[in-house]
Structures are given as C-alpha cells and as structure tokens.
Amino acid sequence: MIVMGILLCLLWLFPIAGLGQQQAPPLDLRSIPISDWLNGPDHADIPWDFRVLDPYLRIDQRLEFSYSLLINAKDLNKTGNKHELFLISRISTPDNEWLGQPSILRESVEEELAKRLQVQLANRVVVQPGDYMLRVVLYDRKTGKHNVTKRHIKVGELHGDPLPDLYSRMPPVEFPVFGDDTGSTGTIASVLYLPVRNKRPIQIELISMLSPPEQWTGCTRCNRVVRAHNDDTLGALSALSQMEPAAGTMSIAGLDLVRRQVIFDQRDFKSVKWASLMEAMKKADSPDISTKALQGSKSNGAFFRDFLDKQINAEPAEGGPMRVFIVVTSSTLFENGSDLRPLQIEGDCHCRAFYLRFRLNINDVFDQLEKFMKPLHPRTFDLITARDLRKAIAEIVEDLGKL
C-alpha cells in the first residue's frame, strides 16, 4: 500500500546525549563477514526493535519507505560504555540480485547512557514500484556484536497515476545522501522525467515564498506548520524544477515577504543550486528581523505584487518567449490594514500563470496572496497531499505542451 501525505520535516539520525554522528563512516566492509551475515538467517546479539514503515509518496514525487531500530540504553550499557554502531543496508530482488550500492550510517556512543534513553537509528530509501528484499545489519565495532534482519517490501503502483513515466530515468532503488545542506530528505542524484512538449518558446518562472506565512509566525505551537511549509515548498520546487521544456528556459526566484527581499534568484538553470536555496530558506525562517522590516510589515504583500509587476514588464512580449509564472507557496494572510491592491495590467500580458497553494492544516482556509494575481487569471491548485501536487504538475505539463 502507498501512503500519500504531506512530508513533514524529519530527522532520521537521532543524536541524543553521548552520541556523535558522522556521514562518512570509516568502515571497510571487507573487514567483517558481511556476505555471510546478509545471506544468513536473522540474528540479534543486541536486543532491538526493528520496524519498517509503509511506502509513501513524498512531496518531491519520489516513492520512499523508511525503517528504524530502537535499542534501550540499559541493553547497550551491558556491553560497555563506548560503542561504534554501523547501520548497513542493502536491497535485492526477491531472487537475490543486488540493487545499487550498500548504505552505511554510523553512530558513536562515548559514555554510559542514562537508562531511560533509547538509541534510535533510521534510514530511508527511494524506490520504484516493485518487490524487494531489505537486508539490514547492525554492527558494533567496539564489541564485535551484530544483528541481522531481512524484510520483504512490496511497493505498489500509484492507482491512476497521472505521470506514469515519471520514474523512467531512475534506478530501482536509491539511498539518499545526507549532509548539513541537504535538508531532511537528503540528496537524490537521479532525476524525474518531466518533458514539456511545447512548440512555442516559453520562459518558465518558478516563484516561491520562502518565508513562512505570517499567520503562523511567532506562534510557539505552530513550529510543525512552519516546518510543513518549508518541506512542501522545497519538495514542490524540486519536482517542478525538473520540467524540461522542448524550447525555452527555467528560472527560480525565492522571496522573503517579511524582509521584502528576493533572497534566491537563479536564471536559466540546468540544475538548481540546492545548497544556496537551503541557505536562503534558513534565512527566511530566522527570527532575526530588523526594526525597519517590522515597521514596514503592512507592505509585505505589496512587495509580492510589485515583484510580479516587474517580472511581467521585464522585457517586450512581442516576438519573445511566452512567460509562464508558477507561484508556489502556502496560504498566506497579512496584517490588518495591509496594501492588498491587485496587479494593474493593461492589455494582454502574453503570459500564463499557475498558482500552487498548500493548505497546511484544517484551519488554513483563507488566503490573500491570490488577490494580487487575480488580473493574471491564474489556474489555481489547492494542495493538501503529495498526490494533489502530482496531479497539478501533470496538468501544468499538459497545458504547457499545447503552447
């Protein structure tokens, strides 16, 4: 079964007191009988609780399943105060053909842990629909103890998939690579297949509000909603940025409405500079806001309107590519008394507009950003799940393919 939903920000390696984390574990698999362990029966020297979650559709449109293990600190303490734990994962077909390279994650324990604590290690893997065997080894290099388990994983096709060829360029399985600048979902090297079969040249502008919606900022109980906005935004941009127009270009602009700044701008890209985009997102989410920015808060919405106006009038429309504006954000409300006047457009702007609007929770029913874009007559998509975004992308690709 595929579970579809909005991907919230998750940290899949859980550092706790006494644990250290490294991304490039210095483990030579030839130094241990890894082949015998992987091909042998299930085994557990260390008491653990191992679980695999159902596959689901991520916001960036990859299919993924995750798995994790829990070890009670009191069980780990029995064999010593220091541990070097490796989580080694491999995936094969049901008839034992290896798929891809192994994944190795490392956690170090440098002191005795409080008995109430648990050590948790977790991983995730992006997959195509199919049948797989997940084989996992937990190895403690300090004590030589190890655990082994195998699980059959079935990843079903998406029913009525509007983008059935999306994974045609991807390998069957791929472990994300995690780093300080990769976000909660890690880096995926493979790409989606999103051709746009347009005949007329187009200039696609992805415009996203990187700053959290104002109605959720400053609320200590709203951290989860803000994280959802960040993950939804990055996931949607990841998928949309892989559209390939037959003729034309793509650009991304990231706006910080609170500070009224364009904090990310990449023109005519072939691939997105994700490290810079992640840094811009962190800046937009920072609580450090200047007094000047706060004093002008009633102009936050107007900044978006003026930015759109500038983009629309950036170059002559006659004879040039058709401009396509795809605005990606969450529902947003502004301070009472804010300037909410819409765009002023005279004649035909020779453009096409799409508005992808995430609804972050059941109370997220109002939105004022759409007022600014009304004269563009955008095609609006209200998004709650990853499947909603998939349908929206499919319809946008189809629309643009008719140009």
Protein backbone atom coordinates (compact mmCIF):
# COMPACT_ATOMS: atom_id res chain seq x y z
CA MET A 1 0.00 0.00 0.00
CA ILE A 2 1.19 3.52 -0.79
CA VAL A 3 0.55 6.07 1.94
CA MET A 4 0.24 9.57 0.49
CA GLY A 5 0.56 12.70 2.55
CA ILE A 6 2.49 15.86 3.26
CA LEU A 7 6.05 15.16 4.27
CA LEU A 8 6.91 16.94 7.50
CA CYS A 9 10.47 17.76 8.46
CA LEU A 10 12.01 14.61 9.94
CA LEU A 11 15.49 13.96 11.30
CA TRP A 12 16.36 10.36 10.51
CA LEU A 13 19.51 10.11 12.59
CA PHE A 14 18.57 10.97 16.12
CA PRO A 15 21.51 12.33 18.17
CA ILE A 16 20.98 12.06 21.91
CA ALA A 17 23.19 12.70 24.91
CA GLY A 18 26.50 10.91 24.46
CA LEU A 19 26.09 10.21 20.74
CA GLY A 20 28.21 11.59 17.91
CA GLN A 21 27.32 11.49 14.24
CA GLN A 22 29.46 11.17 11.09
CA GLN A 23 28.42 10.98 7.46
CA ALA A 24 31.49 9.19 6.04
CA PRO A 25 31.93 6.14 8.26
CA PRO A 26 35.46 4.67 8.02
CA LEU A 27 34.27 1.07 7.75
CA ASP A 28 35.81 -1.38 5.29
CA LEU A 29 33.11 -4.00 4.69
CA ARG A 30 35.86 -6.49 3.82
CA SER A 31 36.93 -6.37 7.47
CA ILE A 32 33.74 -8.18 8.55
CA PRO A 33 31.95 -11.26 7.17
CA ILE A 34 29.24 -9.07 5.71
CA SER A 35 28.32 -11.52 2.93
CA ASP A 36 27.75 -14.35 5.42
CA TRP A 37 25.62 -12.08 7.61
CA LEU A 38 23.49 -10.75 4.75
CA ASN A 39 22.90 -14.20 3.32
CA GLY A 40 22.43 -15.94 6.66
CA PRO A 41 19.42 -16.14 8.98
CA ASP A 42 18.10 -13.36 11.19
CA HIS A 43 20.33 -12.82 14.22
CA ALA A 44 20.33 -10.49 17.25
CA ASP A 45 23.25 -10.14 19.67
CA ILE A 46 21.81 -6.80 20.80
CA PRO A 47 18.14 -6.56 21.86
CA TRP A 48 16.41 -4.20 19.42
CA ASP A 49 13.07 -3.18 18.00
CA PHE A 50 13.25 -3.01 14.18
CA ARG A 51 10.37 -1.53 12.17
CA VAL A 52 9.63 -0.78 8.51
CA LEU A 53 7.04 1.85 7.62
CA ASP A 54 4.71 1.60 4.62
CA PRO A 55 5.90 3.15 1.34
CA TYR A 56 4.57 6.62 0.68
CA LEU A 57 4.71 9.38 -1.91
CA ARG A 58 6.99 12.26 -0.95
CA ILE A 59 6.19 15.84 -1.83
CA ASP A 60 9.10 15.84 -4.29
CA GLN A 61 7.23 12.98 -6.02
CA ARG A 62 9.58 10.15 -5.15
CA LEU A 63 8.29 6.91 -3.65
CA GLU A 64 10.01 6.08 -0.40
CA PHE A 65 9.92 3.73 2.53
CA SER A 66 11.75 4.18 5.80
CA TYR A 67 12.89 1.89 8.57
CA SER A 68 14.30 2.34 12.04
CA LEU A 69 15.63 0.49 15.03
CA LEU A 70 15.47 1.21 18.74
CA ILE A 71 17.92 -0.02 21.37
CA ASN A 72 17.30 0.55 25.07
CA ALA A 73 20.27 2.25 26.68
CA LYS A 74 20.30 -0.28 29.53
CA ASP A 75 20.84 -3.09 26.97
CA LEU A 76 23.66 -1.20 25.28
CA ASN A 77 25.32 -0.36 28.60
CA LYS A 78 25.61 -4.07 29.46
CA THR A 79 28.42 -4.50 26.93
CA GLY A 80 30.34 -1.32 27.76
CA ASN A 81 30.20 2.45 27.81
CA LYS A 82 31.61 3.05 24.34
CA HIS A 83 30.08 1.81 21.10
CA GLU A 84 30.62 2.40 17.39
CA LEU A 85 27.37 1.41 15.72
CA PHE A 86 27.04 0.90 11.99
CA LEU A 87 23.72 0.52 10.21
CA ILE A 88 24.48 -1.34 6.97
CA SER A 89 21.67 -1.72 4.45
CA ARG A 90 21.36 -3.49 1.12
CA ILE A 91 18.41 -4.14 -1.14
CA SER A 92 17.95 -7.00 -3.57
CA THR A 93 15.27 -8.50 -5.76
CA PRO A 94 13.32 -11.44 -4.27
CA ASP A 95 15.64 -13.78 -6.20
CA ASN A 96 18.73 -12.24 -4.57
CA GLU A 97 20.03 -9.88 -7.27
CA TRP A 98 21.66 -6.89 -5.56
CA LEU A 99 20.27 -3.46 -6.47
CA GLY A 100 22.56 -0.48 -6.07
CA GLN A 101 25.30 0.02 -3.51
CA PRO A 102 25.04 -0.53 0.26
CA SER A 103 24.18 2.30 2.60
CA ILE A 104 26.31 2.73 5.73
CA LEU A 105 25.36 5.06 8.59
CA ARG A 106 27.39 5.47 11.77
CA GLU A 107 26.65 6.48 15.36
CA SER A 108 29.22 6.60 18.15
CA VAL A 109 28.48 6.37 21.87
CA GLU A 110 31.23 7.85 24.02
CA GLU A 111 29.84 7.40 27.54
CA GLU A 112 27.38 5.38 29.57
CA LEU A 113 23.84 6.41 28.72
CA ALA A 114 21.04 7.14 31.16
CA LYS A 115 18.83 4.06 31.45
CA ARG A 116 15.70 5.93 30.37
CA LEU A 117 17.19 6.78 26.98
CA GLN A 118 16.91 4.87 23.73
CA VAL A 119 19.31 4.89 20.82
CA GLN A 120 17.48 5.22 17.51
CA LEU A 121 18.99 4.77 14.07
CA ALA A 122 16.92 5.12 10.93
CA ASN A 123 17.27 5.26 7.19
CA ARG A 124 15.12 5.73 4.12
CA VAL A 125 15.28 4.60 0.53
CA VAL A 126 13.73 5.91 -2.68
CA VAL A 127 12.30 3.13 -4.85
CA GLN A 128 10.32 2.39 -7.96
CA PRO A 129 7.20 0.20 -7.75
CA GLY A 130 8.19 -3.44 -7.34
CA ASP A 131 9.12 -6.27 -4.95
CA TYR A 132 12.28 -6.01 -2.87
CA MET A 133 14.20 -7.68 -0.07
CA LEU A 134 15.60 -5.26 2.51
CA ARG A 135 18.61 -6.65 4.38
CA VAL A 136 19.92 -4.74 7.38
CA VAL A 137 22.96 -5.34 9.58
CA LEU A 138 23.65 -3.54 12.86
CA TYR A 139 27.32 -3.87 13.75
CA ASP A 140 29.11 -2.62 16.87
CA ARG A 141 32.80 -2.34 16.04
CA LYS A 142 33.74 -1.82 19.71
CA THR A 143 32.22 -5.10 20.88
CA GLY A 144 32.04 -7.13 17.66
CA LYS A 145 28.35 -7.85 18.22
CA HIS A 146 25.93 -7.73 15.32
CA ASN A 147 22.27 -8.06 14.38
CA VAL A 148 20.79 -9.07 11.03
CA THR A 149 17.24 -8.91 9.70
CA LYS A 150 15.50 -9.28 6.33
CA ARG A 151 12.16 -7.87 5.26
CA HIS A 152 10.10 -8.30 2.11
CA ILE A 153 8.96 -4.91 0.78
CA LYS A 154 6.23 -4.51 -1.82
CA VAL A 155 5.83 -1.08 -3.41
CA GLY A 156 2.64 -0.82 -5.44
CA GLU A 157 1.90 1.31 -8.46
CA LEU A 158 0.02 4.56 -7.88
CA HIS A 159 -3.58 3.99 -8.88
CA GLY A 160 -4.49 6.13 -11.88
CA ASP A 161 -1.03 7.71 -11.94
CA PRO A 162 -1.21 10.99 -13.92
CA LEU A 163 2.56 10.81 -14.51
CA PRO A 164 3.20 7.14 -15.31
CA ASP A 165 6.63 7.76 -16.92
CA LEU A 166 7.98 9.96 -14.13
CA TYR A 167 10.49 7.37 -12.85
CA SER A 168 11.75 6.12 -16.21
CA ARG A 169 15.21 7.69 -15.64
CA MET A 170 15.59 6.50 -12.06
CA PRO A 171 17.25 3.33 -10.76
CA PRO A 172 15.05 0.78 -8.95
CA VAL A 173 16.42 1.85 -5.55
CA GLU A 174 18.47 4.78 -4.30
CA PHE A 175 19.62 5.66 -0.80
CA PRO A 176 19.61 9.44 -0.15
CA VAL A 177 22.88 11.06 0.85
CA PHE A 178 22.63 13.22 3.96
CA GLY A 179 24.68 16.30 4.76
CA ASP A 180 24.40 19.63 6.52
CA ASP A 181 22.98 21.33 3.42
CA THR A 182 20.68 18.58 2.12
CA GLY A 183 17.63 19.06 4.32
CA SER A 184 15.59 16.34 5.98
CA THR A 185 15.10 14.25 2.84
CA GLY A 186 18.73 14.06 1.76
CA THR A 187 20.14 14.37 -1.75
CA ILE A 188 18.86 12.19 -4.60
CA ALA A 189 21.19 12.00 -7.60
CA SER A 190 18.67 10.63 -10.10
CA VAL A 191 16.18 12.86 -11.92
CA LEU A 192 12.49 12.76 -12.74
CA TYR A 193 11.24 12.58 -16.32
CA LEU A 194 9.03 15.61 -16.98
CA PRO A 195 9.21 16.59 -20.65
CA VAL A 196 7.12 19.56 -21.82
CA ARG A 197 6.31 19.16 -25.49
CA ASN A 198 5.74 22.83 -26.31
CA LYS A 199 6.34 24.24 -29.79
CA ARG A 200 6.36 27.92 -28.89
CA PRO A 201 9.37 29.04 -26.76
CA ILE A 202 8.44 29.59 -23.11
CA GLN A 203 10.17 31.22 -20.19
CA ILE A 204 9.13 29.42 -17.00
CA GLU A 205 9.47 31.41 -13.78
CA LEU A 206 9.11 29.45 -10.53
CA ILE A 207 8.26 31.97 -7.82
CA SER A 208 8.11 30.83 -4.23
CA MET A 209 7.55 32.45 -0.85
CA LEU A 210 10.42 31.08 1.25
CA SER A 211 9.33 32.96 4.37
CA PRO A 212 6.65 31.18 6.43
CA PRO A 213 3.08 32.53 6.19
CA GLU A 214 2.61 35.44 8.57
CA GLN A 215 -0.35 33.90 10.36
CA TRP A 216 1.86 31.06 11.64
CA THR A 217 4.97 33.01 12.66
CA GLY A 218 5.57 33.99 16.26
CA CYS A 219 3.41 31.08 17.44
CA THR A 220 5.35 28.64 19.63
CA ARG A 221 2.77 25.92 18.98
CA CYS A 222 2.98 26.34 15.21
CA ASN A 223 6.50 25.03 14.62
CA ARG A 224 5.16 21.92 12.90
CA VAL A 225 3.11 24.02 10.49
CA VAL A 226 6.13 26.16 9.64
CA ARG A 227 8.24 23.03 9.03
CA ALA A 228 5.48 21.70 6.77
CA HIS A 229 5.60 24.96 4.77
CA ASN A 230 9.38 24.63 4.37
CA ASP A 231 9.27 20.98 3.32
CA ASP A 232 6.31 21.46 0.99
CA THR A 233 7.98 24.42 -0.68
CA LEU A 234 11.33 22.68 -1.22
CA GLY A 235 9.69 19.45 -2.33
CA ALA A 236 7.45 21.19 -4.85
CA LEU A 237 10.35 23.22 -6.24
CA SER A 238 12.43 20.04 -6.52
CA ALA A 239 9.78 18.36 -8.67
CA LEU A 240 8.76 21.39 -10.74
CA SER A 241 12.37 22.40 -11.46
CA GLN A 242 12.84 19.13 -13.36
CA MET A 243 10.38 20.06 -16.08
CA GLU A 244 12.12 20.06 -19.45
CA PRO A 245 10.54 22.44 -21.97
CA ALA A 246 11.24 21.46 -25.58
CA ALA A 247 12.02 25.12 -26.25
CA GLY A 248 12.64 27.66 -23.53
CA THR A 249 14.24 28.29 -20.14
CA MET A 250 13.52 27.93 -16.43
CA SER A 251 14.31 30.22 -13.51
CA ILE A 252 13.61 30.26 -9.77
CA ALA A 253 13.04 33.26 -7.51
CA GLY A 254 12.70 32.82 -3.75
CA LEU A 255 11.03 35.70 -1.89
CA ASP A 256 11.18 36.68 1.76
CA LEU A 257 7.98 38.67 2.26
CA VAL A 258 8.78 39.54 5.89
CA ARG A 259 12.05 41.25 4.94
CA ARG A 260 10.73 42.22 1.48
CA GLN A 261 13.74 40.77 -0.31
CA VAL A 262 14.49 38.41 -3.17
CA ILE A 263 16.82 36.06 -1.30
CA PHE A 264 17.32 33.44 -4.03
CA ASP A 265 17.48 34.03 -7.76
CA GLN A 266 18.76 31.56 -10.35
CA ARG A 267 18.23 32.34 -14.01
CA ASP A 268 18.09 29.90 -16.92
CA PHE A 269 19.30 26.95 -14.88
CA LYS A 270 20.02 23.39 -15.89
CA SER A 271 20.12 22.23 -12.26
CA VAL A 272 19.17 24.06 -9.08
CA LYS A 273 21.83 25.27 -6.65
CA TRP A 274 20.28 23.45 -3.71
CA ALA A 275 22.85 24.45 -1.10
CA SER A 276 22.16 28.14 -1.83
CA LEU A 277 18.40 27.59 -1.84
CA MET A 278 18.56 25.78 1.51
CA GLU A 279 20.62 28.63 2.94
CA ALA A 280 18.03 31.12 1.70
CA MET A 281 15.25 29.09 3.32
CA LYS A 282 17.11 29.14 6.65
CA LYS A 283 17.49 32.90 6.39
CA ALA A 284 13.80 33.36 5.66
CA ASP A 285 12.90 31.18 8.67
CA SER A 286 15.22 33.06 11.03
CA PRO A 287 13.56 35.00 13.89
CA ASP A 288 16.15 37.80 13.49
CA ILE A 289 14.23 40.58 11.74
CA SER A 290 15.33 44.20 11.58
CA THR A 291 13.27 47.00 13.10
CA LYS A 292 12.92 48.54 9.65
CA ALA A 293 11.41 45.33 8.27
CA LEU A 294 8.94 45.12 11.15
CA GLN A 295 7.91 48.74 10.77
CA GLY A 296 7.05 48.22 7.11
CA SER A 297 5.14 44.96 7.61
CA LYS A 298 1.95 46.35 6.02
CA SER A 299 3.84 46.43 2.71
CA ASN A 300 4.79 42.74 2.78
CA GLY A 301 2.06 41.69 0.37
CA ALA A 302 2.65 44.69 -1.85
CA PHE A 303 6.26 43.55 -2.25
CA PHE A 304 5.00 40.37 -3.91
CA ARG A 305 2.70 42.39 -6.19
CA ASP A 306 5.50 44.76 -7.18
CA PHE A 307 7.84 41.83 -7.84
CA LEU A 308 5.28 40.23 -10.16
CA ASP A 309 4.71 43.54 -11.92
CA LYS A 310 8.44 43.90 -12.52
CA GLN A 311 8.68 40.37 -13.91
CA ILE A 312 5.73 40.88 -16.25
CA ASN A 313 7.23 44.08 -17.62
CA ALA A 314 10.84 42.89 -17.63
CA GLU A 315 11.11 42.55 -21.41
CA PRO A 316 8.98 43.13 -24.51
CA ALA A 317 6.40 40.39 -25.07
CA GLU A 318 6.22 40.88 -28.85
CA GLY A 319 8.23 38.16 -30.57
CA GLY A 320 9.74 36.86 -27.32
CA PRO A 321 9.02 33.62 -25.47
CA MET A 322 5.73 33.32 -23.63
CA ARG A 323 6.29 33.90 -19.95
CA VAL A 324 4.91 31.27 -17.59
CA PHE A 325 4.62 32.15 -13.90
CA ILE A 326 4.25 29.25 -11.45
CA VAL A 327 3.77 30.58 -7.93
CA VAL A 328 4.42 28.02 -5.19
CA THR A 329 3.56 28.86 -1.59
CA SER A 330 1.21 28.24 1.31
CA SER A 331 -2.00 30.13 2.07
CA THR A 332 -1.00 33.50 3.48
CA LEU A 333 -2.74 36.22 5.47
CA PHE A 334 -1.34 39.69 6.04
CA GLU A 335 -1.55 42.23 8.84
CA ASN A 336 -4.76 44.26 9.10
CA GLY A 337 -4.52 47.41 7.02
CA SER A 338 -2.02 45.93 4.56
CA ASP A 339 -1.91 47.09 0.96
CA LEU A 340 -3.80 44.35 -0.92
CA ARG A 341 -4.39 46.08 -4.23
CA PRO A 342 -4.09 43.63 -7.14
CA LEU A 343 -1.77 43.90 -10.13
CA GLN A 344 -2.64 46.51 -12.72
CA ILE A 345 -2.34 45.01 -16.20
CA GLU A 346 -3.19 46.82 -19.39
CA GLY A 347 -3.97 44.66 -22.39
CA ASP A 348 -2.59 41.16 -22.88
CA CYS A 349 0.43 40.30 -20.73
CA HIS A 350 1.33 37.47 -23.14
CA CYS A 351 1.80 35.20 -20.14
CA ARG A 352 0.36 32.15 -18.44
CA ALA A 353 0.01 31.85 -14.65
CA PHE A 354 -0.42 28.92 -12.26
CA TYR A 355 -0.90 29.19 -8.50
CA LEU A 356 0.07 26.16 -6.39
CA ARG A 357 -1.24 26.79 -2.88
CA PHE A 358 -0.59 24.43 0.02
CA ARG A 359 -3.19 24.17 2.77
CA LEU A 360 -1.14 23.38 5.87
CA ASN A 361 -3.91 22.32 8.26
CA ILE A 362 -7.70 22.30 8.68
CA ASN A 363 -7.72 25.92 9.86
CA ASP A 364 -5.84 27.06 6.76
CA VAL A 365 -8.89 28.19 4.75
CA PHE A 366 -8.18 31.83 3.90
CA ASP A 367 -5.59 33.30 1.56
CA GLN A 368 -4.83 36.86 0.47
CA LEU A 369 -1.98 36.25 -1.97
CA GLU A 370 -4.42 35.26 -4.69
CA LYS A 371 -5.88 38.79 -4.67
CA PHE A 372 -2.66 40.17 -6.12
CA MET A 373 -2.69 37.70 -9.02
CA LYS A 374 -6.36 37.95 -9.93
CA PRO A 375 -5.78 40.00 -13.11
CA LEU A 376 -3.50 37.20 -14.39
CA HIS A 377 -6.40 34.73 -14.17
CA PRO A 378 -4.11 32.02 -12.76
CA ARG A 379 -5.09 28.39 -12.76
CA THR A 380 -5.17 27.66 -9.03
CA PHE A 381 -4.45 24.32 -7.37
CA ASP A 382 -5.22 23.77 -3.69
CA LEU A 383 -2.77 21.18 -2.37
CA ILE A 384 -3.06 19.06 0.74
CA THR A 385 -1.28 15.83 -0.20
CA ALA A 386 1.66 14.82 -2.37
CA ARG A 387 -0.86 13.25 -4.77
CA ASP A 388 -2.53 16.66 -5.17
CA LEU A 389 0.80 18.12 -6.28
CA ARG A 390 1.35 15.23 -8.70
CA LYS A 391 -2.00 15.93 -10.38
CA ALA A 392 -1.20 19.65 -10.55
CA ILE A 393 2.20 19.03 -12.18
CA ALA A 394 0.61 16.70 -14.72
CA GLU A 395 -1.99 19.31 -15.67
CA ILE A 396 0.62 22.08 -15.90
CA VAL A 397 2.82 19.94 -18.15
CA GLU A 398 -0.19 19.15 -20.34
CA ASP A 399 -1.23 22.82 -20.57
CA LEU A 400 2.27 24.00 -21.47
CA GLY A 401 2.60 21.22 -24.02
CA LYS A 402 -0.23 22.82 -26.01
CA LEU A 403 1.67 26.10 -26.49
